[in-house]
Amino acid sequence: MFEPSDIVTSEAEVRAVIPGTFERQVRKVIDHIDEHVRIWIERSPFMTMATYSSSGTVDVSPKGDPAGFVKVIDEKTLAIPDRPGNHRFDSFLNIFETGRIGLMFLVPNRLEVVRVSGTAQVVRDVDLREQMAVEGKVPDFAIVVRVEEAFYHCGKAVIRSSLWEPEKAVSVDGLPTYGRALKAHGALDTPLEEVERLTEDNLKYRLYDE
C-alpha cells in the first residue's frame, strides 16, 4: 500500500506554495437562496448530496429527477424528495447523527455548479411530500435543508472533464456491468444472468415504485 512521504497538514503549508486569496471568492458566499441560486436549483435535474456520520464516515449520493425536483420553499429552506433506492439509507443515518449536509447542483450544458450547505432533517409532512410527486408517486420521506451557505462555483472542472462534450467521452467498452460488479463485490451465489435481470428490472420498474 502506498505511503506518502511529504504530507501537507496546515493551511500555512498550502499558502507557501499558492499565496493569497481572491477576495471575490471569499465574498461570493451568501447565507441564503437568492434569485440567482434559486433559478439554478429550479433548472437542475441532477445533484450530489454529501453527509457524514458522527464517526466521520462520509457518503456522497447522486440524486436526479425532472428539473426542479429540489423545491425552494423560501430563502433559507430547500426540500429534497427521497425516491426508491437501495434501502441502505446511508444519508438518513448520517443526518440522524450529525444533521449536516452539502449539495452540488448541475445543469446540463452549463459549466458552473452551485453549492449549498447547511443542516438537514428527515420529514414526513404530507403537504410537502405531495408537492414532489412524480408519475403520481408521492415520496415516503423528504429531506429539509436549512441553508447556511450558497455560492456559484466556476466551470474549470467541467471544462477539464469535457462533461457536456459526448464526442470526447471515453469508450464504455470493457466496463463491467452493474450486475457483474454487484455479484463480485457481494460474493453472490446468484447466477450472473439472474443478477443482470434483476438490476435491469430495477432500472425499468423501480424509478418511482418500491
N, C-alpha and C. Protein backbone atom coordinates (compact mmCIF):
# COMPACT_ATOMS: atom_id res chain seq x y z
N MET A 1 0.84 -1.19 0.00
CA MET A 1 0.00 0.00 0.00
C MET A 1 0.88 1.25 0.00
N PHE A 2 0.51 2.21 -0.82
CA PHE A 2 1.31 3.44 -0.93
C PHE A 2 1.31 4.22 0.38
N GLU A 3 2.48 4.68 0.79
CA GLU A 3 2.63 5.52 1.98
C GLU A 3 3.30 6.82 1.56
N PRO A 4 2.59 7.95 1.60
CA PRO A 4 3.20 9.22 1.19
C PRO A 4 4.30 9.65 2.14
N SER A 5 5.27 10.38 1.59
CA SER A 5 6.41 10.82 2.40
C SER A 5 6.43 12.32 2.62
N ASP A 6 5.54 13.05 1.94
CA ASP A 6 5.53 14.52 2.06
C ASP A 6 4.08 14.97 2.26
N ILE A 7 3.63 14.92 3.50
CA ILE A 7 2.22 15.16 3.81
C ILE A 7 2.02 16.62 4.23
N VAL A 8 1.02 17.26 3.66
CA VAL A 8 0.68 18.64 3.99
C VAL A 8 -0.39 18.62 5.08
N THR A 9 -0.16 19.35 6.16
CA THR A 9 -1.08 19.27 7.30
C THR A 9 -1.60 20.62 7.77
N SER A 10 -1.27 21.72 7.07
CA SER A 10 -1.73 23.02 7.53
C SER A 10 -1.97 23.96 6.36
N GLU A 11 -2.82 24.96 6.61
CA GLU A 11 -3.07 25.98 5.59
C GLU A 11 -1.79 26.74 5.28
N ALA A 12 -0.96 26.96 6.28
CA ALA A 12 0.29 27.70 6.06
C ALA A 12 1.16 27.03 5.00
N GLU A 13 1.19 25.71 5.01
CA GLU A 13 1.98 24.99 4.03
C GLU A 13 1.41 25.15 2.62
N VAL A 14 0.08 25.19 2.54
CA VAL A 14 -0.56 25.40 1.25
C VAL A 14 -0.27 26.80 0.74
N ARG A 15 -0.41 27.80 1.63
CA ARG A 15 -0.20 29.20 1.24
C ARG A 15 1.26 29.48 0.86
N ALA A 16 2.17 28.67 1.36
CA ALA A 16 3.57 28.84 0.99
C ALA A 16 3.79 28.49 -0.48
N VAL A 17 2.94 27.63 -1.01
CA VAL A 17 3.03 27.23 -2.42
C VAL A 17 2.14 28.12 -3.29
N ILE A 18 0.92 28.36 -2.81
CA ILE A 18 -0.05 29.17 -3.56
C ILE A 18 -0.50 30.30 -2.64
N PRO A 19 0.18 31.42 -2.64
CA PRO A 19 -0.13 32.51 -1.70
C PRO A 19 -1.36 33.29 -2.12
N GLY A 20 -1.96 33.96 -1.14
CA GLY A 20 -3.04 34.90 -1.42
C GLY A 20 -4.39 34.25 -1.57
N THR A 21 -5.42 35.05 -1.40
CA THR A 21 -6.80 34.61 -1.58
C THR A 21 -7.53 35.64 -2.43
N PHE A 22 -8.25 35.17 -3.45
CA PHE A 22 -9.04 36.09 -4.26
C PHE A 22 -10.22 36.59 -3.43
N GLU A 23 -10.29 37.88 -3.21
CA GLU A 23 -11.34 38.43 -2.36
C GLU A 23 -12.72 38.07 -2.87
N ARG A 24 -12.88 38.07 -4.19
CA ARG A 24 -14.21 37.78 -4.73
C ARG A 24 -14.65 36.35 -4.42
N GLN A 25 -13.69 35.43 -4.25
CA GLN A 25 -14.04 34.05 -3.93
C GLN A 25 -14.52 33.92 -2.49
N VAL A 26 -14.04 34.81 -1.64
CA VAL A 26 -14.50 34.82 -0.24
C VAL A 26 -15.86 35.50 -0.14
N ARG A 27 -16.00 36.60 -0.84
CA ARG A 27 -17.21 37.41 -0.73
C ARG A 27 -18.41 36.80 -1.45
N LYS A 28 -18.17 35.86 -2.39
CA LYS A 28 -19.27 35.33 -3.19
C LYS A 28 -20.21 34.42 -2.39
N VAL A 29 -19.79 33.95 -1.22
CA VAL A 29 -20.60 33.03 -0.43
C VAL A 29 -21.70 33.80 0.29
N ILE A 30 -22.95 33.41 0.05
CA ILE A 30 -24.08 34.04 0.72
C ILE A 30 -24.73 33.03 1.66
N ASP A 31 -25.61 33.51 2.54
CA ASP A 31 -26.19 32.63 3.55
C ASP A 31 -27.66 32.33 3.30
N HIS A 32 -28.09 32.44 2.04
CA HIS A 32 -29.50 32.22 1.72
C HIS A 32 -29.63 31.90 0.23
N ILE A 33 -30.85 31.60 -0.19
CA ILE A 33 -31.14 31.33 -1.59
C ILE A 33 -31.66 32.62 -2.21
N ASP A 34 -30.84 33.27 -3.02
CA ASP A 34 -31.30 34.49 -3.71
C ASP A 34 -31.83 34.11 -5.08
N GLU A 35 -32.17 35.10 -5.90
CA GLU A 35 -32.78 34.83 -7.20
C GLU A 35 -31.83 34.06 -8.12
N HIS A 36 -30.52 34.29 -8.01
CA HIS A 36 -29.56 33.63 -8.89
C HIS A 36 -29.41 32.16 -8.53
N VAL A 37 -29.37 31.85 -7.25
CA VAL A 37 -29.26 30.47 -6.81
C VAL A 37 -30.58 29.74 -7.03
N ARG A 38 -31.68 30.43 -6.78
CA ARG A 38 -33.00 29.81 -6.94
C ARG A 38 -33.21 29.30 -8.36
N ILE A 39 -32.95 30.13 -9.35
CA ILE A 39 -33.23 29.72 -10.73
C ILE A 39 -32.34 28.57 -11.15
N TRP A 40 -31.12 28.54 -10.62
CA TRP A 40 -30.23 27.42 -10.94
C TRP A 40 -30.79 26.11 -10.38
N ILE A 41 -31.19 26.13 -9.12
CA ILE A 41 -31.75 24.93 -8.49
C ILE A 41 -33.00 24.49 -9.22
N GLU A 42 -33.83 25.43 -9.64
CA GLU A 42 -35.07 25.09 -10.33
C GLU A 42 -34.82 24.52 -11.73
N ARG A 43 -33.63 24.74 -12.30
CA ARG A 43 -33.30 24.20 -13.62
C ARG A 43 -32.45 22.92 -13.52
N SER A 44 -32.08 22.53 -12.32
CA SER A 44 -31.17 21.41 -12.16
C SER A 44 -31.91 20.07 -12.06
N PRO A 45 -31.54 19.08 -12.92
CA PRO A 45 -32.14 17.75 -12.84
C PRO A 45 -31.25 16.75 -12.10
N PHE A 46 -30.06 17.22 -11.63
CA PHE A 46 -29.12 16.29 -11.01
C PHE A 46 -28.27 17.02 -9.99
N MET A 47 -28.08 16.36 -8.85
CA MET A 47 -27.19 16.93 -7.82
C MET A 47 -26.52 15.80 -7.07
N THR A 48 -25.47 16.13 -6.34
CA THR A 48 -24.86 15.20 -5.40
C THR A 48 -25.12 15.71 -3.99
N MET A 49 -25.32 14.76 -3.06
CA MET A 49 -25.66 15.09 -1.68
C MET A 49 -24.66 14.43 -0.74
N ALA A 50 -23.92 15.25 -0.01
CA ALA A 50 -22.89 14.74 0.91
C ALA A 50 -23.37 14.85 2.34
N THR A 51 -23.18 13.77 3.09
CA THR A 51 -23.48 13.75 4.53
C THR A 51 -22.35 12.99 5.22
N TYR A 52 -22.27 13.12 6.55
CA TYR A 52 -21.25 12.36 7.27
C TYR A 52 -21.77 11.95 8.63
N SER A 53 -21.22 10.85 9.14
CA SER A 53 -21.67 10.29 10.41
C SER A 53 -20.86 10.87 11.56
N SER A 54 -21.27 10.54 12.77
CA SER A 54 -20.54 11.01 13.95
C SER A 54 -19.15 10.40 14.06
N SER A 55 -18.93 9.27 13.39
CA SER A 55 -17.61 8.64 13.40
C SER A 55 -16.73 9.14 12.26
N GLY A 56 -17.28 10.00 11.41
CA GLY A 56 -16.50 10.58 10.32
C GLY A 56 -16.68 9.89 8.98
N THR A 57 -17.49 8.84 8.91
CA THR A 57 -17.76 8.18 7.63
C THR A 57 -18.53 9.14 6.72
N VAL A 58 -18.07 9.26 5.48
CA VAL A 58 -18.67 10.21 4.54
C VAL A 58 -19.43 9.46 3.45
N ASP A 59 -20.58 10.00 3.07
CA ASP A 59 -21.37 9.44 1.98
C ASP A 59 -21.71 10.56 0.99
N VAL A 60 -21.54 10.28 -0.29
CA VAL A 60 -21.97 11.21 -1.34
C VAL A 60 -22.91 10.46 -2.25
N SER A 61 -24.17 10.88 -2.30
CA SER A 61 -25.19 10.19 -3.08
C SER A 61 -25.64 11.02 -4.27
N PRO A 62 -25.80 10.38 -5.44
CA PRO A 62 -26.38 11.10 -6.58
C PRO A 62 -27.89 11.17 -6.45
N LYS A 63 -28.46 12.31 -6.84
CA LYS A 63 -29.91 12.49 -6.81
C LYS A 63 -30.35 13.10 -8.14
N GLY A 64 -31.33 12.50 -8.77
CA GLY A 64 -31.78 13.02 -10.05
C GLY A 64 -33.27 12.83 -10.27
N ASP A 65 -33.87 13.75 -10.99
CA ASP A 65 -35.31 13.77 -11.26
C ASP A 65 -35.53 14.85 -12.31
N PRO A 66 -36.78 15.03 -12.77
CA PRO A 66 -37.02 16.17 -13.66
C PRO A 66 -36.57 17.48 -13.03
N ALA A 67 -36.09 18.41 -13.84
CA ALA A 67 -35.59 19.69 -13.35
C ALA A 67 -36.58 20.34 -12.39
N GLY A 68 -36.07 20.85 -11.29
CA GLY A 68 -36.91 21.46 -10.28
C GLY A 68 -37.35 20.51 -9.20
N PHE A 69 -36.77 19.29 -9.19
CA PHE A 69 -37.21 18.31 -8.19
C PHE A 69 -36.85 18.73 -6.77
N VAL A 70 -35.79 19.52 -6.61
CA VAL A 70 -35.49 20.09 -5.30
C VAL A 70 -36.28 21.38 -5.15
N LYS A 71 -37.14 21.45 -4.17
CA LYS A 71 -38.04 22.58 -4.00
C LYS A 71 -37.41 23.68 -3.15
N VAL A 72 -37.46 24.90 -3.68
CA VAL A 72 -37.06 26.06 -2.91
C VAL A 72 -38.29 26.55 -2.15
N ILE A 73 -38.34 26.29 -0.86
CA ILE A 73 -39.50 26.65 -0.06
C ILE A 73 -39.46 28.14 0.30
N ASP A 74 -38.30 28.59 0.73
CA ASP A 74 -38.08 30.01 0.99
C ASP A 74 -36.59 30.27 0.91
N GLU A 75 -36.15 31.46 1.24
CA GLU A 75 -34.75 31.81 1.02
C GLU A 75 -33.78 31.06 1.94
N LYS A 76 -34.29 30.37 2.93
CA LYS A 76 -33.43 29.61 3.84
C LYS A 76 -33.72 28.11 3.83
N THR A 77 -34.65 27.66 2.99
CA THR A 77 -35.12 26.28 3.11
C THR A 77 -35.28 25.60 1.76
N LEU A 78 -34.71 24.39 1.65
CA LEU A 78 -34.90 23.53 0.49
C LEU A 78 -35.53 22.22 0.94
N ALA A 79 -36.21 21.54 0.01
CA ALA A 79 -36.76 20.22 0.29
C ALA A 79 -36.38 19.27 -0.84
N ILE A 80 -35.88 18.09 -0.45
CA ILE A 80 -35.41 17.08 -1.40
C ILE A 80 -36.26 15.83 -1.25
N PRO A 81 -36.90 15.35 -2.33
CA PRO A 81 -37.69 14.12 -2.23
C PRO A 81 -36.78 12.91 -2.13
N ASP A 82 -37.22 11.90 -1.38
CA ASP A 82 -36.48 10.64 -1.30
C ASP A 82 -37.15 9.62 -2.20
N ARG A 83 -36.46 9.21 -3.25
CA ARG A 83 -37.01 8.24 -4.21
C ARG A 83 -36.56 6.83 -3.86
N PRO A 84 -37.23 5.80 -4.42
CA PRO A 84 -36.82 4.42 -4.16
C PRO A 84 -35.35 4.20 -4.49
N GLY A 85 -34.64 3.53 -3.58
CA GLY A 85 -33.21 3.30 -3.79
C GLY A 85 -32.79 1.94 -3.30
N ASN A 86 -31.60 1.89 -2.68
CA ASN A 86 -31.02 0.61 -2.29
C ASN A 86 -31.38 0.18 -0.86
N HIS A 87 -32.19 0.98 -0.19
CA HIS A 87 -32.64 0.68 1.17
C HIS A 87 -31.49 0.67 2.19
N ARG A 88 -30.34 1.24 1.84
CA ARG A 88 -29.26 1.37 2.82
C ARG A 88 -29.50 2.58 3.73
N PHE A 89 -30.08 3.63 3.17
CA PHE A 89 -30.38 4.85 3.93
C PHE A 89 -29.15 5.45 4.60
N ASP A 90 -28.02 5.40 3.88
CA ASP A 90 -26.79 5.97 4.42
C ASP A 90 -26.96 7.45 4.77
N SER A 91 -27.58 8.20 3.86
CA SER A 91 -27.75 9.64 4.10
C SER A 91 -28.63 9.90 5.31
N PHE A 92 -29.72 9.14 5.42
CA PHE A 92 -30.62 9.31 6.56
C PHE A 92 -29.87 9.06 7.87
N LEU A 93 -29.15 7.96 7.92
CA LEU A 93 -28.44 7.61 9.16
C LEU A 93 -27.44 8.69 9.53
N ASN A 94 -26.74 9.23 8.55
CA ASN A 94 -25.79 10.31 8.81
C ASN A 94 -26.49 11.56 9.33
N ILE A 95 -27.61 11.89 8.70
CA ILE A 95 -28.37 13.07 9.12
C ILE A 95 -28.86 12.90 10.56
N PHE A 96 -29.32 11.70 10.90
CA PHE A 96 -29.77 11.46 12.27
C PHE A 96 -28.64 11.70 13.26
N GLU A 97 -27.41 11.40 12.86
CA GLU A 97 -26.28 11.51 13.78
C GLU A 97 -25.68 12.91 13.84
N THR A 98 -25.53 13.56 12.68
CA THR A 98 -24.83 14.86 12.68
C THR A 98 -25.69 16.02 12.18
N GLY A 99 -26.70 15.73 11.37
CA GLY A 99 -27.58 16.79 10.88
C GLY A 99 -26.93 17.76 9.92
N ARG A 100 -25.81 17.36 9.28
CA ARG A 100 -25.11 18.25 8.36
C ARG A 100 -25.24 17.71 6.93
N ILE A 101 -25.22 18.66 5.96
CA ILE A 101 -25.42 18.26 4.57
C ILE A 101 -24.73 19.25 3.63
N GLY A 102 -24.27 18.73 2.49
CA GLY A 102 -23.71 19.56 1.43
C GLY A 102 -24.26 19.11 0.09
N LEU A 103 -24.65 20.06 -0.74
CA LEU A 103 -25.27 19.76 -2.04
C LEU A 103 -24.49 20.43 -3.16
N MET A 104 -24.45 19.77 -4.34
CA MET A 104 -23.86 20.38 -5.52
C MET A 104 -24.80 20.15 -6.70
N PHE A 105 -25.27 21.23 -7.30
CA PHE A 105 -26.27 21.18 -8.36
C PHE A 105 -25.63 21.38 -9.73
N LEU A 106 -25.96 20.49 -10.67
CA LEU A 106 -25.50 20.61 -12.05
C LEU A 106 -26.68 20.93 -12.96
N VAL A 107 -26.41 21.71 -14.00
CA VAL A 107 -27.38 21.97 -15.06
C VAL A 107 -26.71 21.56 -16.36
N PRO A 108 -27.29 20.63 -17.12
CA PRO A 108 -26.67 20.19 -18.37
C PRO A 108 -26.35 21.36 -19.30
N ASN A 109 -25.17 21.27 -19.90
CA ASN A 109 -24.69 22.25 -20.87
C ASN A 109 -24.27 23.58 -20.25
N ARG A 110 -24.24 23.65 -18.92
CA ARG A 110 -23.62 24.78 -18.24
C ARG A 110 -22.37 24.29 -17.53
N LEU A 111 -21.35 25.11 -17.52
CA LEU A 111 -20.06 24.71 -16.98
C LEU A 111 -19.97 24.84 -15.46
N GLU A 112 -20.69 25.81 -14.92
CA GLU A 112 -20.60 26.07 -13.48
C GLU A 112 -21.44 25.06 -12.70
N VAL A 113 -21.24 25.05 -11.38
CA VAL A 113 -22.13 24.33 -10.48
C VAL A 113 -22.53 25.29 -9.36
N VAL A 114 -23.58 24.94 -8.64
CA VAL A 114 -23.98 25.71 -7.46
C VAL A 114 -23.86 24.79 -6.25
N ARG A 115 -23.23 25.31 -5.21
CA ARG A 115 -23.02 24.55 -3.98
C ARG A 115 -23.84 25.16 -2.84
N VAL A 116 -24.46 24.28 -2.06
CA VAL A 116 -25.27 24.70 -0.91
C VAL A 116 -24.91 23.80 0.26
N SER A 117 -24.81 24.37 1.46
CA SER A 117 -24.57 23.55 2.65
C SER A 117 -25.36 24.10 3.82
N GLY A 118 -25.58 23.23 4.80
CA GLY A 118 -26.33 23.64 5.98
C GLY A 118 -26.70 22.46 6.84
N THR A 119 -27.84 22.55 7.51
CA THR A 119 -28.32 21.47 8.36
C THR A 119 -29.47 20.75 7.66
N ALA A 120 -29.77 19.53 8.13
CA ALA A 120 -30.80 18.74 7.46
C ALA A 120 -31.63 17.95 8.46
N GLN A 121 -32.88 17.71 8.07
CA GLN A 121 -33.80 16.86 8.83
C GLN A 121 -34.55 15.98 7.85
N VAL A 122 -34.90 14.78 8.29
CA VAL A 122 -35.77 13.89 7.52
C VAL A 122 -37.20 14.09 8.02
N VAL A 123 -38.14 14.37 7.10
CA VAL A 123 -39.51 14.71 7.50
C VAL A 123 -40.52 13.88 6.71
N ARG A 124 -41.78 13.90 7.20
CA ARG A 124 -42.86 13.18 6.53
C ARG A 124 -44.07 14.08 6.32
N ASP A 125 -43.92 15.39 6.35
CA ASP A 125 -45.05 16.30 6.15
C ASP A 125 -45.77 15.98 4.84
N VAL A 126 -47.05 15.63 4.95
CA VAL A 126 -47.80 15.17 3.77
C VAL A 126 -47.90 16.26 2.71
N ASP A 127 -48.23 17.47 3.12
CA ASP A 127 -48.40 18.55 2.14
C ASP A 127 -47.13 18.78 1.35
N LEU A 128 -46.01 18.70 2.02
CA LEU A 128 -44.72 18.89 1.35
C LEU A 128 -44.44 17.74 0.39
N ARG A 129 -44.63 16.53 0.86
CA ARG A 129 -44.32 15.36 0.02
C ARG A 129 -45.21 15.31 -1.22
N GLU A 130 -46.47 15.70 -1.06
CA GLU A 130 -47.38 15.66 -2.20
C GLU A 130 -46.97 16.64 -3.30
N GLN A 131 -46.29 17.71 -2.94
CA GLN A 131 -45.79 18.66 -3.94
C GLN A 131 -44.68 18.07 -4.80
N MET A 132 -44.07 16.99 -4.32
CA MET A 132 -42.93 16.41 -5.02
C MET A 132 -43.25 15.08 -5.67
N ALA A 133 -44.55 14.82 -5.89
CA ALA A 133 -44.96 13.59 -6.55
C ALA A 133 -44.54 13.61 -8.02
N VAL A 134 -44.12 12.44 -8.52
CA VAL A 134 -43.79 12.25 -9.94
C VAL A 134 -44.52 11.00 -10.40
N GLU A 135 -45.19 11.10 -11.54
CA GLU A 135 -45.98 9.99 -12.07
C GLU A 135 -46.97 9.48 -11.03
N GLY A 136 -47.49 10.40 -10.24
CA GLY A 136 -48.48 10.04 -9.22
C GLY A 136 -47.90 9.39 -7.99
N LYS A 137 -46.56 9.28 -7.91
CA LYS A 137 -45.92 8.62 -6.79
C LYS A 137 -45.39 9.66 -5.80
N VAL A 138 -45.95 9.65 -4.60
CA VAL A 138 -45.54 10.58 -3.55
C VAL A 138 -44.37 9.96 -2.78
N PRO A 139 -43.27 10.67 -2.60
CA PRO A 139 -42.15 10.11 -1.84
C PRO A 139 -42.55 9.84 -0.39
N ASP A 140 -41.99 8.80 0.18
CA ASP A 140 -42.29 8.45 1.57
C ASP A 140 -41.67 9.42 2.56
N PHE A 141 -40.54 10.01 2.16
CA PHE A 141 -39.82 10.94 3.03
C PHE A 141 -39.32 12.12 2.22
N ALA A 142 -38.96 13.17 2.92
CA ALA A 142 -38.28 14.31 2.30
C ALA A 142 -37.18 14.76 3.24
N ILE A 143 -36.16 15.36 2.67
CA ILE A 143 -35.08 15.95 3.46
C ILE A 143 -35.22 17.46 3.39
N VAL A 144 -35.36 18.09 4.52
CA VAL A 144 -35.46 19.55 4.59
C VAL A 144 -34.10 20.11 4.96
N VAL A 145 -33.61 21.04 4.16
CA VAL A 145 -32.29 21.63 4.35
C VAL A 145 -32.45 23.08 4.78
N ARG A 146 -31.81 23.46 5.87
CA ARG A 146 -31.73 24.85 6.30
C ARG A 146 -30.41 25.42 5.79
N VAL A 147 -30.50 26.36 4.90
CA VAL A 147 -29.33 26.85 4.17
C VAL A 147 -28.47 27.76 5.04
N GLU A 148 -27.17 27.46 5.08
CA GLU A 148 -26.20 28.31 5.76
C GLU A 148 -25.24 28.97 4.77
N GLU A 149 -24.92 28.25 3.69
CA GLU A 149 -24.04 28.79 2.65
C GLU A 149 -24.55 28.40 1.28
N ALA A 150 -24.40 29.32 0.32
CA ALA A 150 -24.74 29.04 -1.07
C ALA A 150 -23.83 29.87 -1.96
N PHE A 151 -23.32 29.25 -3.02
CA PHE A 151 -22.48 30.02 -3.94
C PHE A 151 -22.30 29.29 -5.27
N TYR A 152 -21.98 30.09 -6.28
CA TYR A 152 -21.64 29.56 -7.60
C TYR A 152 -20.16 29.17 -7.59
N HIS A 153 -19.87 28.04 -8.24
CA HIS A 153 -18.50 27.54 -8.36
C HIS A 153 -18.15 27.52 -9.85
N CYS A 154 -16.98 28.02 -10.19
CA CYS A 154 -16.61 28.20 -11.59
C CYS A 154 -16.56 26.87 -12.36
N GLY A 155 -16.51 26.96 -13.69
CA GLY A 155 -16.65 25.79 -14.55
C GLY A 155 -15.38 25.08 -14.94
N LYS A 156 -14.27 25.35 -14.27
CA LYS A 156 -13.00 24.73 -14.69
C LYS A 156 -13.05 23.20 -14.67
N ALA A 157 -13.64 22.62 -13.63
CA ALA A 157 -13.68 21.16 -13.52
C ALA A 157 -14.48 20.54 -14.66
N VAL A 158 -15.62 21.17 -14.99
CA VAL A 158 -16.45 20.64 -16.07
C VAL A 158 -15.75 20.80 -17.42
N ILE A 159 -15.05 21.92 -17.60
CA ILE A 159 -14.29 22.11 -18.84
C ILE A 159 -13.20 21.05 -18.97
N ARG A 160 -12.45 20.84 -17.90
CA ARG A 160 -11.37 19.86 -17.93
C ARG A 160 -11.89 18.45 -18.22
N SER A 161 -13.07 18.15 -17.70
CA SER A 161 -13.63 16.80 -17.88
C SER A 161 -14.33 16.60 -19.21
N SER A 162 -14.62 17.70 -19.93
CA SER A 162 -15.41 17.63 -21.18
C SER A 162 -16.75 16.94 -20.92
N LEU A 163 -17.33 17.21 -19.75
CA LEU A 163 -18.53 16.51 -19.32
C LEU A 163 -19.68 16.62 -20.31
N TRP A 164 -19.87 17.80 -20.89
CA TRP A 164 -21.00 18.00 -21.79
C TRP A 164 -20.59 17.88 -23.26
N GLU A 165 -19.47 17.23 -23.52
CA GLU A 165 -19.00 17.00 -24.88
C GLU A 165 -18.93 15.50 -25.14
N PRO A 166 -20.06 14.88 -25.48
CA PRO A 166 -20.11 13.42 -25.61
C PRO A 166 -19.15 12.87 -26.66
N GLU A 167 -18.79 13.70 -27.65
CA GLU A 167 -17.86 13.22 -28.67
C GLU A 167 -16.47 12.97 -28.10
N LYS A 168 -16.18 13.53 -26.92
CA LYS A 168 -14.89 13.33 -26.27
C LYS A 168 -14.94 12.27 -25.17
N ALA A 169 -16.08 11.67 -24.98
CA ALA A 169 -16.23 10.70 -23.89
C ALA A 169 -15.39 9.45 -24.15
N VAL A 170 -14.84 8.89 -23.09
CA VAL A 170 -14.09 7.65 -23.22
C VAL A 170 -15.04 6.51 -23.57
N SER A 171 -14.51 5.47 -24.18
CA SER A 171 -15.31 4.31 -24.55
C SER A 171 -15.81 3.57 -23.31
N VAL A 172 -17.04 3.07 -23.38
CA VAL A 172 -17.57 2.26 -22.29
C VAL A 172 -17.31 0.78 -22.52
N ASP A 173 -16.69 0.45 -23.67
CA ASP A 173 -16.38 -0.96 -23.96
C ASP A 173 -15.46 -1.52 -22.88
N GLY A 174 -15.80 -2.70 -22.40
CA GLY A 174 -14.97 -3.36 -21.40
C GLY A 174 -15.28 -2.99 -19.97
N LEU A 175 -16.15 -1.99 -19.75
CA LEU A 175 -16.54 -1.66 -18.39
C LEU A 175 -17.46 -2.75 -17.84
N PRO A 176 -17.33 -3.12 -16.57
CA PRO A 176 -18.22 -4.13 -16.01
C PRO A 176 -19.64 -3.59 -15.92
N THR A 177 -20.61 -4.45 -16.10
CA THR A 177 -21.99 -4.04 -15.86
C THR A 177 -22.20 -3.89 -14.36
N TYR A 178 -23.27 -3.20 -14.00
CA TYR A 178 -23.60 -3.06 -12.58
C TYR A 178 -23.83 -4.43 -11.96
N GLY A 179 -24.51 -5.31 -12.70
CA GLY A 179 -24.79 -6.64 -12.19
C GLY A 179 -23.53 -7.44 -11.93
N ARG A 180 -22.56 -7.36 -12.84
CA ARG A 180 -21.31 -8.10 -12.67
C ARG A 180 -20.54 -7.59 -11.44
N ALA A 181 -20.49 -6.26 -11.28
CA ALA A 181 -19.81 -5.69 -10.12
C ALA A 181 -20.53 -6.06 -8.82
N LEU A 182 -21.86 -6.03 -8.85
CA LEU A 182 -22.65 -6.37 -7.67
C LEU A 182 -22.42 -7.81 -7.25
N LYS A 183 -22.38 -8.70 -8.22
CA LYS A 183 -22.15 -10.12 -7.91
C LYS A 183 -20.76 -10.33 -7.32
N ALA A 184 -19.76 -9.66 -7.88
CA ALA A 184 -18.39 -9.83 -7.40
C ALA A 184 -18.20 -9.24 -6.02
N HIS A 185 -18.65 -8.00 -5.82
CA HIS A 185 -18.43 -7.31 -4.54
C HIS A 185 -19.28 -7.91 -3.42
N GLY A 186 -20.47 -8.42 -3.78
CA GLY A 186 -21.33 -9.02 -2.77
C GLY A 186 -21.12 -10.50 -2.58
N ALA A 187 -20.18 -11.06 -3.37
CA ALA A 187 -19.91 -12.51 -3.32
C ALA A 187 -21.22 -13.29 -3.40
N LEU A 188 -22.05 -12.94 -4.39
CA LEU A 188 -23.38 -13.53 -4.51
C LEU A 188 -23.32 -14.91 -5.16
N ASP A 189 -24.14 -15.83 -4.65
CA ASP A 189 -24.25 -17.16 -5.25
C ASP A 189 -25.20 -17.15 -6.44
N THR A 190 -26.01 -16.11 -6.56
CA THR A 190 -26.99 -16.00 -7.64
C THR A 190 -26.27 -15.97 -8.99
N PRO A 191 -26.75 -16.73 -9.98
CA PRO A 191 -26.13 -16.71 -11.31
C PRO A 191 -26.09 -15.29 -11.87
N LEU A 192 -25.03 -14.99 -12.62
CA LEU A 192 -24.86 -13.65 -13.17
C LEU A 192 -26.07 -13.23 -14.01
N GLU A 193 -26.60 -14.15 -14.80
CA GLU A 193 -27.74 -13.81 -15.66
C GLU A 193 -28.93 -13.31 -14.84
N GLU A 194 -29.15 -13.93 -13.69
CA GLU A 194 -30.26 -13.52 -12.83
C GLU A 194 -29.98 -12.16 -12.19
N VAL A 195 -28.74 -11.94 -11.77
CA VAL A 195 -28.38 -10.63 -11.19
C VAL A 195 -28.56 -9.54 -12.24
N GLU A 196 -28.12 -9.81 -13.47
CA GLU A 196 -28.27 -8.83 -14.55
C GLU A 196 -29.75 -8.53 -14.80
N ARG A 197 -30.58 -9.57 -14.78
CA ARG A 197 -32.02 -9.36 -15.00
C ARG A 197 -32.62 -8.50 -13.89
N LEU A 198 -32.24 -8.79 -12.66
CA LEU A 198 -32.77 -8.04 -11.53
C LEU A 198 -32.35 -6.56 -11.58
N THR A 199 -31.10 -6.31 -11.94
CA THR A 199 -30.63 -4.92 -12.00
C THR A 199 -31.30 -4.18 -13.15
N GLU A 200 -31.54 -4.86 -14.26
CA GLU A 200 -32.24 -4.22 -15.38
C GLU A 200 -33.69 -3.93 -15.02
N ASP A 201 -34.35 -4.86 -14.35
CA ASP A 201 -35.73 -4.65 -13.91
C ASP A 201 -35.82 -3.49 -12.92
N ASN A 202 -34.80 -3.34 -12.07
CA ASN A 202 -34.76 -2.25 -11.11
C ASN A 202 -34.79 -0.90 -11.82
N LEU A 203 -34.03 -0.79 -12.92
CA LEU A 203 -33.99 0.46 -13.67
C LEU A 203 -35.28 0.69 -14.46
N LYS A 204 -35.90 -0.37 -14.91
CA LYS A 204 -37.11 -0.24 -15.71
C LYS A 204 -38.36 0.04 -14.88
N TYR A 205 -38.44 -0.61 -13.72
CA TYR A 205 -39.71 -0.63 -12.99
C TYR A 205 -39.68 0.02 -11.62
N ARG A 206 -38.50 0.44 -11.13
CA ARG A 206 -38.43 0.94 -9.76
C ARG A 206 -37.93 2.39 -9.67
N LEU A 207 -38.10 3.15 -10.73
CA LEU A 207 -37.70 4.55 -10.64
C LEU A 207 -38.54 5.29 -9.59
N TYR A 208 -39.82 4.95 -9.51
CA TYR A 208 -40.70 5.60 -8.54
C TYR A 208 -41.53 4.60 -7.74
N ASP A 209 -41.31 3.31 -7.95
CA ASP A 209 -42.01 2.26 -7.21
C ASP A 209 -41.02 1.44 -6.41
N GLU A 210 -41.43 1.00 -5.22
CA GLU A 210 -40.59 0.09 -4.44
C GLU A 210 -40.68 -1.32 -5.02
